[in-house]
């Protein structure tokens, strides 16, 4: 089994990254990251609901 197959550290650290002051941001990039965060939270909420519902 590969060691990095279930490495979710990138997903978990996505919410807590610090802003890079050297990188320029624009409205489209900020909007994309906001939508990504919302979709990941909704997916996790759905998985938790599914698990709790079927226990």
C-alpha atoms as a PDB file:
ATOM      1  CA  UNK A   1       0.000   0.000   0.000  1.00  0.00           C
ATOM      2  CA  UNK A   2       1.315   3.426  -0.853  1.00  0.00           C
ATOM      3  CA  UNK A   3       2.175   5.596   2.106  1.00  0.00           C
ATOM      4  CA  UNK A   4       0.699   8.851   0.762  1.00  0.00           C
ATOM      5  CA  UNK A   5      -2.547   7.361  -0.514  1.00  0.00           C
ATOM      6  CA  UNK A   6      -4.697   8.631   2.369  1.00  0.00           C
ATOM      7  CA  UNK A   7      -2.769  11.783   3.192  1.00  0.00           C
ATOM      8  CA  UNK A   8      -5.425  14.418   3.845  1.00  0.00           C
ATOM      9  CA  UNK A   9      -3.089  17.028   5.316  1.00  0.00           C
ATOM     10  CA  UNK A  10      -3.416  19.240   2.217  1.00  0.00           C
ATOM     11  CA  UNK A  11      -7.198  19.260   2.560  1.00  0.00           C
ATOM     12  CA  UNK A  12      -7.129  20.075   6.273  1.00  0.00           C
ATOM     13  CA  UNK A  13      -4.471  22.783   5.945  1.00  0.00           C
ATOM     14  CA  UNK A  14      -6.381  24.422   3.079  1.00  0.00           C
ATOM     15  CA  UNK A  15      -8.653  26.141   5.593  1.00  0.00           C
ATOM     16  CA  UNK A  16      -5.843  27.446   7.785  1.00  0.00           C
ATOM     17  CA  UNK A  17      -3.242  28.701   5.321  1.00  0.00           C
ATOM     18  CA  UNK A  18      -1.766  32.114   5.844  1.00  0.00           C
ATOM     19  CA  UNK A  19      -1.993  34.634   3.049  1.00  0.00           C
ATOM     20  CA  UNK A  20       1.178  35.016   0.985  1.00  0.00           C
ATOM     21  CA  UNK A  21       1.987  38.751   0.945  1.00  0.00           C
ATOM     22  CA  UNK A  22       4.052  38.409  -2.245  1.00  0.00           C
ATOM     23  CA  UNK A  23       1.179  36.969  -4.249  1.00  0.00           C
ATOM     24  CA  UNK A  24      -1.372  39.248  -5.874  1.00  0.00           C
ATOM     25  CA  UNK A  25      -5.000  38.274  -5.523  1.00  0.00           C
ATOM     26  CA  UNK A  26      -8.028  39.340  -7.455  1.00  0.00           C
ATOM     27  CA  UNK A  27     -11.766  38.931  -7.064  1.00  0.00           C
ATOM     28  CA  UNK A  28     -11.934  35.784  -9.206  1.00  0.00           C
ATOM     29  CA  UNK A  29      -9.251  33.981  -7.209  1.00  0.00           C
ATOM     30  CA  UNK A  30     -10.795  34.893  -3.859  1.00  0.00           C
ATOM     31  CA  UNK A  31     -14.218  33.806  -5.105  1.00  0.00           C
ATOM     32  CA  UNK A  32     -12.855  30.489  -6.359  1.00  0.00           C
ATOM     33  CA  UNK A  33     -11.244  29.716  -2.985  1.00  0.00           C
ATOM     34  CA  UNK A  34     -14.400  30.684  -1.117  1.00  0.00           C
ATOM     35  CA  UNK A  35     -16.534  28.395  -3.287  1.00  0.00           C
ATOM     36  CA  UNK A  36     -13.990  25.573  -2.830  1.00  0.00           C
ATOM     37  CA  UNK A  37     -14.132  25.936   0.956  1.00  0.00           C
ATOM     38  CA  UNK A  38     -17.929  25.988   0.978  1.00  0.00           C
ATOM     39  CA  UNK A  39     -18.140  22.915  -1.254  1.00  0.00           C
ATOM     40  CA  UNK A  40     -15.673  20.959   0.906  1.00  0.00           C
ATOM     41  CA  UNK A  41     -17.611  21.846   4.063  1.00  0.00           C
ATOM     42  CA  UNK A  42     -20.913  20.839   2.460  1.00  0.00           C
ATOM     43  CA  UNK A  43     -19.409  17.539   1.310  1.00  0.00           C
ATOM     44  CA  UNK A  44     -18.080  16.765   4.793  1.00  0.00           C
ATOM     45  CA  UNK A  45     -21.436  17.700   6.329  1.00  0.00           C
ATOM     46  CA  UNK A  46     -23.170  15.346   3.879  1.00  0.00           C
ATOM     47  CA  UNK A  47     -20.788  12.509   4.678  1.00  0.00           C
ATOM     48  CA  UNK A  48     -21.302  13.015   8.417  1.00  0.00           C
ATOM     49  CA  UNK A  49     -25.079  13.106   7.937  1.00  0.00           C
ATOM     50  CA  UNK A  50     -24.951   9.915   5.872  1.00  0.00           C
ATOM     51  CA  UNK A  51     -22.828   8.153   8.507  1.00  0.00           C
ATOM     52  CA  UNK A  52     -25.012   9.262  11.412  1.00  0.00           C
ATOM     53  CA  UNK A  53     -28.222   8.413   9.545  1.00  0.00           C
ATOM     54  CA  UNK A  54     -27.079   4.840   8.801  1.00  0.00           C
ATOM     55  CA  UNK A  55     -25.711   3.924  12.232  1.00  0.00           C
END
